[in-house]
């Protein structure tokens, strides 16, 4: 049985670094947030969908969004999947 969670991830920490590193930090914050809230174990990996990456980088490296809504899915034998929430 797959575990599915919708979550809004705040990316405010991405704005606390130099502006040439903000989009990179936003991706790192997504990984940290998902690992914490999905209770990731040591043997699991996180797979972030390409659409999430395009959304973060859509306005460039210096102006990532302040938050992002995603759907996280856990299935046995697969990495944790992070996809954009389609509304």
PDB file of N, CA and C in Angstrom:
ATOM      1  N   UNK A   1       0.839  -1.184   0.000  1.00  0.00           N
ATOM      2  CA  UNK A   1       0.000   0.000   0.000  1.00  0.00           C
ATOM      3  C   UNK A   1       0.881   1.244   0.000  1.00  0.00           C
ATOM      4  N   UNK A   2       0.630   2.139  -0.894  1.00  0.00           N
ATOM      5  CA  UNK A   2       1.440   3.348  -1.011  1.00  0.00           C
ATOM      6  C   UNK A   2       0.968   4.400  -0.009  1.00  0.00           C
ATOM      7  N   UNK A   3       1.921   5.069   0.596  1.00  0.00           N
ATOM      8  CA  UNK A   3       1.629   6.177   1.500  1.00  0.00           C
ATOM      9  C   UNK A   3       1.765   7.470   0.700  1.00  0.00           C
ATOM     10  N   UNK A   4       0.708   8.297   0.705  1.00  0.00           N
ATOM     11  CA  UNK A   4       0.694   9.532  -0.071  1.00  0.00           C
ATOM     12  C   UNK A   4       0.408  10.696   0.869  1.00  0.00           C
ATOM     13  N   UNK A   5       1.207  11.770   0.774  1.00  0.00           N
ATOM     14  CA  UNK A   5       1.013  12.960   1.587  1.00  0.00           C
ATOM     15  C   UNK A   5       1.129  14.198   0.718  1.00  0.00           C
ATOM     16  N   UNK A   6       0.187  15.114   0.896  1.00  0.00           N
ATOM     17  CA  UNK A   6       0.289  16.433   0.271  1.00  0.00           C
ATOM     18  C   UNK A   6       0.893  17.371   1.300  1.00  0.00           C
ATOM     19  N   UNK A   7       1.822  18.200   0.865  1.00  0.00           N
ATOM     20  CA  UNK A   7       2.415  19.144   1.803  1.00  0.00           C
ATOM     21  C   UNK A   7       2.836  20.428   1.108  1.00  0.00           C
ATOM     22  N   UNK A   8       2.815  21.499   1.872  1.00  0.00           N
ATOM     23  CA  UNK A   8       3.319  22.786   1.425  1.00  0.00           C
ATOM     24  C   UNK A   8       4.671  22.984   2.087  1.00  0.00           C
ATOM     25  N   UNK A   9       5.691  23.152   1.283  1.00  0.00           N
ATOM     26  CA  UNK A   9       7.052  23.267   1.798  1.00  0.00           C
ATOM     27  C   UNK A   9       7.476  24.731   1.765  1.00  0.00           C
ATOM     28  N   UNK A  10       7.752  25.321   2.927  1.00  0.00           N
ATOM     29  CA  UNK A  10       8.237  26.704   2.940  1.00  0.00           C
ATOM     30  C   UNK A  10       9.696  26.745   2.506  1.00  0.00           C
ATOM     31  N   UNK A  11      10.024  27.696   1.673  1.00  0.00           N
ATOM     32  CA  UNK A  11      11.394  27.800   1.163  1.00  0.00           C
ATOM     33  C   UNK A  11      12.077  29.070   1.669  1.00  0.00           C
ATOM     34  N   UNK A  12      11.667  29.541   2.830  1.00  0.00           N
ATOM     35  CA  UNK A  12      12.223  30.793   3.347  1.00  0.00           C
ATOM     36  C   UNK A  12      13.712  30.700   3.624  1.00  0.00           C
ATOM     37  N   UNK A  13      14.220  29.512   3.934  1.00  0.00           N
ATOM     38  CA  UNK A  13      15.654  29.359   4.208  1.00  0.00           C
ATOM     39  C   UNK A  13      16.490  29.580   2.951  1.00  0.00           C
ATOM     40  N   UNK A  14      15.874  29.423   1.785  1.00  0.00           N
ATOM     41  CA  UNK A  14      16.603  29.638   0.535  1.00  0.00           C
ATOM     42  C   UNK A  14      16.965  31.113   0.355  1.00  0.00           C
ATOM     43  N   UNK A  15      16.236  31.988   1.034  1.00  0.00           N
ATOM     44  CA  UNK A  15      16.500  33.419   0.907  1.00  0.00           C
ATOM     45  C   UNK A  15      17.545  33.891   1.917  1.00  0.00           C
ATOM     46  N   UNK A  16      18.063  32.988   2.749  1.00  0.00           N
ATOM     47  CA  UNK A  16      19.064  33.345   3.763  1.00  0.00           C
ATOM     48  C   UNK A  16      20.485  33.108   3.282  1.00  0.00           C
ATOM     49  N   UNK A  17      20.641  32.703   2.027  1.00  0.00           N
ATOM     50  CA  UNK A  17      21.968  32.472   1.448  1.00  0.00           C
ATOM     51  C   UNK A  17      22.206  33.521   0.360  1.00  0.00           C
ATOM     52  N   UNK A  18      23.427  33.636  -0.142  1.00  0.00           N
ATOM     53  CA  UNK A  18      23.667  34.570  -1.247  1.00  0.00           C
ATOM     54  C   UNK A  18      22.731  34.290  -2.421  1.00  0.00           C
ATOM     55  N   UNK A  19      22.337  35.333  -3.107  1.00  0.00           N
ATOM     56  CA  UNK A  19      21.293  35.177  -4.126  1.00  0.00           C
ATOM     57  C   UNK A  19      21.707  34.301  -5.303  1.00  0.00           C
ATOM     58  N   UNK A  20      23.004  34.059  -5.468  1.00  0.00           N
ATOM     59  CA  UNK A  20      23.441  33.167  -6.545  1.00  0.00           C
ATOM     60  C   UNK A  20      23.342  31.697  -6.162  1.00  0.00           C
ATOM     61  N   UNK A  21      22.881  31.395  -4.939  1.00  0.00           N
ATOM     62  CA  UNK A  21      22.740  30.014  -4.495  1.00  0.00           C
ATOM     63  C   UNK A  21      21.315  29.686  -4.054  1.00  0.00           C
ATOM     64  N   UNK A  22      20.370  30.582  -4.277  1.00  0.00           N
ATOM     65  CA  UNK A  22      19.026  30.414  -3.726  1.00  0.00           C
ATOM     66  C   UNK A  22      18.273  29.218  -4.295  1.00  0.00           C
ATOM     67  N   UNK A  23      18.306  28.994  -5.594  1.00  0.00           N
ATOM     68  CA  UNK A  23      17.568  27.870  -6.178  1.00  0.00           C
ATOM     69  C   UNK A  23      18.182  26.545  -5.719  1.00  0.00           C
ATOM     70  N   UNK A  24      19.490  26.488  -5.638  1.00  0.00           N
ATOM     71  CA  UNK A  24      20.141  25.268  -5.145  1.00  0.00           C
ATOM     72  C   UNK A  24      19.731  24.981  -3.704  1.00  0.00           C
ATOM     73  N   UNK A  25      19.685  26.015  -2.884  1.00  0.00           N
ATOM     74  CA  UNK A  25      19.294  25.850  -1.488  1.00  0.00           C
ATOM     75  C   UNK A  25      17.828  25.444  -1.382  1.00  0.00           C
ATOM     76  N   UNK A  26      16.975  25.935  -2.292  1.00  0.00           N
ATOM     77  CA  UNK A  26      15.560  25.565  -2.278  1.00  0.00           C
ATOM     78  C   UNK A  26      15.393  24.060  -2.505  1.00  0.00           C
ATOM     79  N   UNK A  27      16.144  23.491  -3.428  1.00  0.00           N
ATOM     80  CA  UNK A  27      16.086  22.047  -3.673  1.00  0.00           C
ATOM     81  C   UNK A  27      16.561  21.288  -2.431  1.00  0.00           C
ATOM     82  N   UNK A  28      17.610  21.785  -1.784  1.00  0.00           N
ATOM     83  CA  UNK A  28      18.100  21.166  -0.562  1.00  0.00           C
ATOM     84  C   UNK A  28      17.045  21.217   0.538  1.00  0.00           C
ATOM     85  N   UNK A  29      16.332  22.333   0.650  1.00  0.00           N
ATOM     86  CA  UNK A  29      15.280  22.467   1.653  1.00  0.00           C
ATOM     87  C   UNK A  29      14.123  21.503   1.380  1.00  0.00           C
ATOM     88  N   UNK A  30      13.805  21.272   0.123  1.00  0.00           N
ATOM     89  CA  UNK A  30      12.758  20.304  -0.224  1.00  0.00           C
ATOM     90  C   UNK A  30      13.170  18.920   0.250  1.00  0.00           C
ATOM     91  N   UNK A  31      14.414  18.538  -0.011  1.00  0.00           N
ATOM     92  CA  UNK A  31      14.911  17.230   0.428  1.00  0.00           C
ATOM     93  C   UNK A  31      14.850  17.088   1.948  1.00  0.00           C
ATOM     94  N   UNK A  32      15.285  18.116   2.678  1.00  0.00           N
ATOM     95  CA  UNK A  32      15.281  18.056   4.136  1.00  0.00           C
ATOM     96  C   UNK A  32      13.863  17.963   4.682  1.00  0.00           C
ATOM     97  N   UNK A  33      12.937  18.740   4.126  1.00  0.00           N
ATOM     98  CA  UNK A  33      11.554  18.761   4.602  1.00  0.00           C
ATOM     99  C   UNK A  33      10.871  17.415   4.368  1.00  0.00           C
ATOM    100  N   UNK A  34      11.044  16.865   3.184  1.00  0.00           N
ATOM    101  CA  UNK A  34      10.433  15.570   2.864  1.00  0.00           C
ATOM    102  C   UNK A  34      11.024  14.469   3.742  1.00  0.00           C
ATOM    103  N   UNK A  35      12.329  14.474   3.940  1.00  0.00           N
ATOM    104  CA  UNK A  35      12.958  13.460   4.777  1.00  0.00           C
ATOM    105  C   UNK A  35      12.421  13.516   6.204  1.00  0.00           C
ATOM    106  N   UNK A  36      12.211  14.705   6.730  1.00  0.00           N
ATOM    107  CA  UNK A  36      11.724  14.860   8.093  1.00  0.00           C
ATOM    108  C   UNK A  36      10.266  14.437   8.225  1.00  0.00           C
ATOM    109  N   UNK A  37       9.423  14.889   7.316  1.00  0.00           N
ATOM    110  CA  UNK A  37       7.990  14.662   7.454  1.00  0.00           C
ATOM    111  C   UNK A  37       7.523  13.297   6.963  1.00  0.00           C
ATOM    112  N   UNK A  38       8.305  12.659   6.108  1.00  0.00           N
ATOM    113  CA  UNK A  38       7.954  11.306   5.667  1.00  0.00           C
ATOM    114  C   UNK A  38       8.701  10.248   6.488  1.00  0.00           C
ATOM    115  N   UNK A  39       9.472  10.676   7.493  1.00  0.00           N
ATOM    116  CA  UNK A  39      10.226   9.780   8.367  1.00  0.00           C
ATOM    117  C   UNK A  39      11.087   8.818   7.552  1.00  0.00           C
ATOM    118  N   UNK A  40      11.922   9.400   6.719  1.00  0.00           N
ATOM    119  CA  UNK A  40      12.766   8.631   5.817  1.00  0.00           C
ATOM    120  C   UNK A  40      13.799   7.817   6.592  1.00  0.00           C
ATOM    121  N   UNK A  41      13.993   6.580   6.193  1.00  0.00           N
ATOM    122  CA  UNK A  41      15.003   5.730   6.813  1.00  0.00           C
ATOM    123  C   UNK A  41      16.324   5.884   6.065  1.00  0.00           C
ATOM    124  N   UNK A  42      17.376   5.300   6.620  1.00  0.00           N
ATOM    125  CA  UNK A  42      18.711   5.451   6.028  1.00  0.00           C
ATOM    126  C   UNK A  42      18.847   4.774   4.673  1.00  0.00           C
ATOM    127  N   UNK A  43      18.088   3.709   4.446  1.00  0.00           N
ATOM    128  CA  UNK A  43      18.221   2.978   3.183  1.00  0.00           C
ATOM    129  C   UNK A  43      17.313   3.503   2.078  1.00  0.00           C
ATOM    130  N   UNK A  44      16.562   4.582   2.328  1.00  0.00           N
ATOM    131  CA  UNK A  44      15.683   5.159   1.305  1.00  0.00           C
ATOM    132  C   UNK A  44      16.363   6.334   0.602  1.00  0.00           C
ATOM    133  N   UNK A  45      15.937   6.586  -0.620  1.00  0.00           N
ATOM    134  CA  UNK A  45      16.390   7.737  -1.394  1.00  0.00           C
ATOM    135  C   UNK A  45      15.197   8.635  -1.678  1.00  0.00           C
ATOM    136  N   UNK A  46      15.480   9.862  -2.117  1.00  0.00           N
ATOM    137  CA  UNK A  46      14.428  10.793  -2.518  1.00  0.00           C
ATOM    138  C   UNK A  46      14.591  11.071  -3.997  1.00  0.00           C
ATOM    139  N   UNK A  47      13.478  10.960  -4.745  1.00  0.00           N
ATOM    140  CA  UNK A  47      13.462  11.283  -6.162  1.00  0.00           C
ATOM    141  C   UNK A  47      12.560  12.492  -6.345  1.00  0.00           C
ATOM    142  N   UNK A  48      13.132  13.595  -6.856  1.00  0.00           N
ATOM    143  CA  UNK A  48      12.374  14.825  -7.083  1.00  0.00           C
ATOM    144  C   UNK A  48      12.072  14.917  -8.569  1.00  0.00           C
ATOM    145  N   UNK A  49      10.792  15.085  -8.887  1.00  0.00           N
ATOM    146  CA  UNK A  49      10.337  15.141 -10.265  1.00  0.00           C
ATOM    147  C   UNK A  49      10.939  16.353 -10.979  1.00  0.00           C
ATOM    148  N   UNK A  50      11.124  16.211 -12.264  1.00  0.00           N
ATOM    149  CA  UNK A  50      11.694  17.291 -13.076  1.00  0.00           C
ATOM    150  C   UNK A  50      10.806  18.532 -13.062  1.00  0.00           C
ATOM    151  N   UNK A  51       9.494  18.353 -12.946  1.00  0.00           N
ATOM    152  CA  UNK A  51       8.565  19.489 -12.915  1.00  0.00           C
ATOM    153  C   UNK A  51       8.796  20.356 -11.675  1.00  0.00           C
ATOM    154  N   UNK A  52       9.152  19.747 -10.558  1.00  0.00           N
ATOM    155  CA  UNK A  52       9.456  20.510  -9.344  1.00  0.00           C
ATOM    156  C   UNK A  52      10.708  21.352  -9.588  1.00  0.00           C
ATOM    157  N   UNK A  53      11.710  20.752 -10.200  1.00  0.00           N
ATOM    158  CA  UNK A  53      12.943  21.478 -10.500  1.00  0.00           C
ATOM    159  C   UNK A  53      12.674  22.657 -11.434  1.00  0.00           C
ATOM    160  N   UNK A  54      11.861  22.436 -12.471  1.00  0.00           N
ATOM    161  CA  UNK A  54      11.530  23.528 -13.399  1.00  0.00           C
ATOM    162  C   UNK A  54      10.755  24.631 -12.694  1.00  0.00           C
ATOM    163  N   UNK A  55       9.877  24.255 -11.763  1.00  0.00           N
ATOM    164  CA  UNK A  55       9.105  25.252 -11.017  1.00  0.00           C
ATOM    165  C   UNK A  55      10.029  26.106 -10.144  1.00  0.00           C
ATOM    166  N   UNK A  56      10.996  25.478  -9.479  1.00  0.00           N
ATOM    167  CA  UNK A  56      11.932  26.212  -8.620  1.00  0.00           C
ATOM    168  C   UNK A  56      12.790  27.164  -9.452  1.00  0.00           C
ATOM    169  N   UNK A  57      13.250  26.686 -10.596  1.00  0.00           N
ATOM    170  CA  UNK A  57      14.141  27.482 -11.432  1.00  0.00           C
ATOM    171  C   UNK A  57      13.398  28.372 -12.436  1.00  0.00           C
ATOM    172  N   UNK A  58      12.080  28.413 -12.422  1.00  0.00           N
ATOM    173  CA  UNK A  58      11.298  29.117 -13.442  1.00  0.00           C
ATOM    174  C   UNK A  58      11.606  30.611 -13.514  1.00  0.00           C
ATOM    175  N   UNK A  59      11.901  31.229 -12.391  1.00  0.00           N
ATOM    176  CA  UNK A  59      12.218  32.662 -12.392  1.00  0.00           C
ATOM    177  C   UNK A  59      13.717  32.919 -12.238  1.00  0.00           C
ATOM    178  N   UNK A  60      14.498  31.880 -12.396  1.00  0.00           N
ATOM    179  CA  UNK A  60      15.942  32.030 -12.319  1.00  0.00           C
ATOM    180  C   UNK A  60      16.489  31.605 -10.972  1.00  0.00           C
ATOM    181  N   UNK A  61      17.800  31.658 -10.862  1.00  0.00           N
ATOM    182  CA  UNK A  61      18.480  31.227  -9.651  1.00  0.00           C
ATOM    183  C   UNK A  61      18.234  32.178  -8.486  1.00  0.00           C
ATOM    184  N   UNK A  62      18.073  33.457  -8.772  1.00  0.00           N
ATOM    185  CA  UNK A  62      18.023  34.456  -7.716  1.00  0.00           C
ATOM    186  C   UNK A  62      16.642  34.667  -7.112  1.00  0.00           C
ATOM    187  N   UNK A  63      15.587  34.186  -7.770  1.00  0.00           N
ATOM    188  CA  UNK A  63      14.232  34.429  -7.272  1.00  0.00           C
ATOM    189  C   UNK A  63      13.385  33.158  -7.252  1.00  0.00           C
ATOM    190  N   UNK A  64      13.750  32.170  -6.447  1.00  0.00           N
ATOM    191  CA  UNK A  64      12.895  30.980  -6.359  1.00  0.00           C
ATOM    192  C   UNK A  64      11.594  31.329  -5.636  1.00  0.00           C
ATOM    193  N   UNK A  65      10.564  30.505  -5.771  1.00  0.00           N
ATOM    194  CA  UNK A  65       9.302  30.786  -5.072  1.00  0.00           C
ATOM    195  C   UNK A  65       9.489  30.687  -3.557  1.00  0.00           C
ATOM    196  N   UNK A  66       8.584  31.309  -2.816  1.00  0.00           N
ATOM    197  CA  UNK A  66       8.657  31.298  -1.356  1.00  0.00           C
ATOM    198  C   UNK A  66       8.163  29.984  -0.766  1.00  0.00           C
ATOM    199  N   UNK A  67       7.291  29.272  -1.481  1.00  0.00           N
ATOM    200  CA  UNK A  67       6.810  27.969  -1.026  1.00  0.00           C
ATOM    201  C   UNK A  67       6.371  27.157  -2.229  1.00  0.00           C
ATOM    202  N   UNK A  68       6.258  25.862  -2.031  1.00  0.00           N
ATOM    203  CA  UNK A  68       5.878  24.974  -3.126  1.00  0.00           C
ATOM    204  C   UNK A  68       4.972  23.888  -2.557  1.00  0.00           C
ATOM    205  N   UNK A  69       3.908  23.537  -3.292  1.00  0.00           N
ATOM    206  CA  UNK A  69       2.985  22.479  -2.879  1.00  0.00           C
ATOM    207  C   UNK A  69       3.340  21.216  -3.648  1.00  0.00           C
ATOM    208  N   UNK A  70       3.586  20.133  -2.916  1.00  0.00           N
ATOM    209  CA  UNK A  70       4.009  18.878  -3.530  1.00  0.00           C
ATOM    210  C   UNK A  70       3.198  17.708  -2.980  1.00  0.00           C
ATOM    211  N   UNK A  71       3.287  16.591  -3.697  1.00  0.00           N
ATOM    212  CA  UNK A  71       2.718  15.319  -3.256  1.00  0.00           C
ATOM    213  C   UNK A  71       3.877  14.349  -3.103  1.00  0.00           C
ATOM    214  N   UNK A  72       3.983  13.733  -1.929  1.00  0.00           N
ATOM    215  CA  UNK A  72       5.047  12.777  -1.651  1.00  0.00           C
ATOM    216  C   UNK A  72       4.443  11.383  -1.587  1.00  0.00           C
ATOM    217  N   UNK A  73       5.078  10.440  -2.264  1.00  0.00           N
ATOM    218  CA  UNK A  73       4.586   9.068  -2.328  1.00  0.00           C
ATOM    219  C   UNK A  73       5.683   8.105  -1.907  1.00  0.00           C
ATOM    220  N   UNK A  74       5.307   7.155  -1.052  1.00  0.00           N
ATOM    221  CA  UNK A  74       6.242   6.113  -0.626  1.00  0.00           C
ATOM    222  C   UNK A  74       5.655   4.763  -1.015  1.00  0.00           C
ATOM    223  N   UNK A  75       6.429   3.999  -1.779  1.00  0.00           N
ATOM    224  CA  UNK A  75       6.080   2.628  -2.112  1.00  0.00           C
ATOM    225  C   UNK A  75       7.268   1.750  -1.751  1.00  0.00           C
ATOM    226  N   UNK A  76       6.965   0.562  -1.315  1.00  0.00           N
ATOM    227  CA  UNK A  76       8.030  -0.347  -0.901  1.00  0.00           C
ATOM    228  C   UNK A  76       8.888  -0.729  -2.108  1.00  0.00           C
ATOM    229  N   UNK A  77      10.198  -0.619  -1.948  1.00  0.00           N
ATOM    230  CA  UNK A  77      11.118  -0.977  -3.015  1.00  0.00           C
ATOM    231  C   UNK A  77      11.433   0.153  -3.979  1.00  0.00           C
ATOM    232  N   UNK A  78      10.835   1.338  -3.779  1.00  0.00           N
ATOM    233  CA  UNK A  78      11.065   2.490  -4.647  1.00  0.00           C
ATOM    234  C   UNK A  78      11.495   3.676  -3.795  1.00  0.00           C
ATOM    235  N   UNK A  79      12.182   4.658  -4.390  1.00  0.00           N
ATOM    236  CA  UNK A  79      12.534   5.855  -3.616  1.00  0.00           C
ATOM    237  C   UNK A  79      11.294   6.702  -3.327  1.00  0.00           C
ATOM    238  N   UNK A  80      11.397   7.600  -2.341  1.00  0.00           N
ATOM    239  CA  UNK A  80      10.324   8.546  -2.074  1.00  0.00           C
ATOM    240  C   UNK A  80      10.184   9.464  -3.285  1.00  0.00           C
ATOM    241  N   UNK A  81       8.976   9.596  -3.808  1.00  0.00           N
ATOM    242  CA  UNK A  81       8.747  10.433  -4.980  1.00  0.00           C
ATOM    243  C   UNK A  81       8.157  11.767  -4.553  1.00  0.00           C
ATOM    244  N   UNK A  82       8.689  12.850  -5.093  1.00  0.00           N
ATOM    245  CA  UNK A  82       8.194  14.197  -4.819  1.00  0.00           C
ATOM    246  C   UNK A  82       7.748  14.786  -6.157  1.00  0.00           C
ATOM    247  N   UNK A  83       6.442  15.085  -6.262  1.00  0.00           N
ATOM    248  CA  UNK A  83       5.887  15.650  -7.490  1.00  0.00           C
ATOM    249  C   UNK A  83       5.092  16.897  -7.159  1.00  0.00           C
ATOM    250  N   UNK A  84       4.950  17.787  -8.135  1.00  0.00           N
ATOM    251  CA  UNK A  84       4.139  18.989  -7.958  1.00  0.00           C
ATOM    252  C   UNK A  84       2.677  18.611  -7.762  1.00  0.00           C
ATOM    253  N   UNK A  85       1.988  19.356  -6.917  1.00  0.00           N
ATOM    254  CA  UNK A  85       0.558  19.157  -6.703  1.00  0.00           C
ATOM    255  C   UNK A  85      -0.173  19.841  -7.852  1.00  0.00           C
ATOM    256  N   UNK A  86      -0.951  19.083  -8.588  1.00  0.00           N
ATOM    257  CA  UNK A  86      -1.704  19.648  -9.708  1.00  0.00           C
ATOM    258  C   UNK A  86      -3.065  20.071  -9.211  1.00  0.00           C
ATOM    259  N   UNK A  87      -3.355  21.361  -9.351  1.00  0.00           N
ATOM    260  CA  UNK A  87      -4.619  21.886  -8.856  1.00  0.00           C
ATOM    261  C   UNK A  87      -5.527  22.249  -9.989  1.00  0.00           C
TER     262      UNK A  87
END
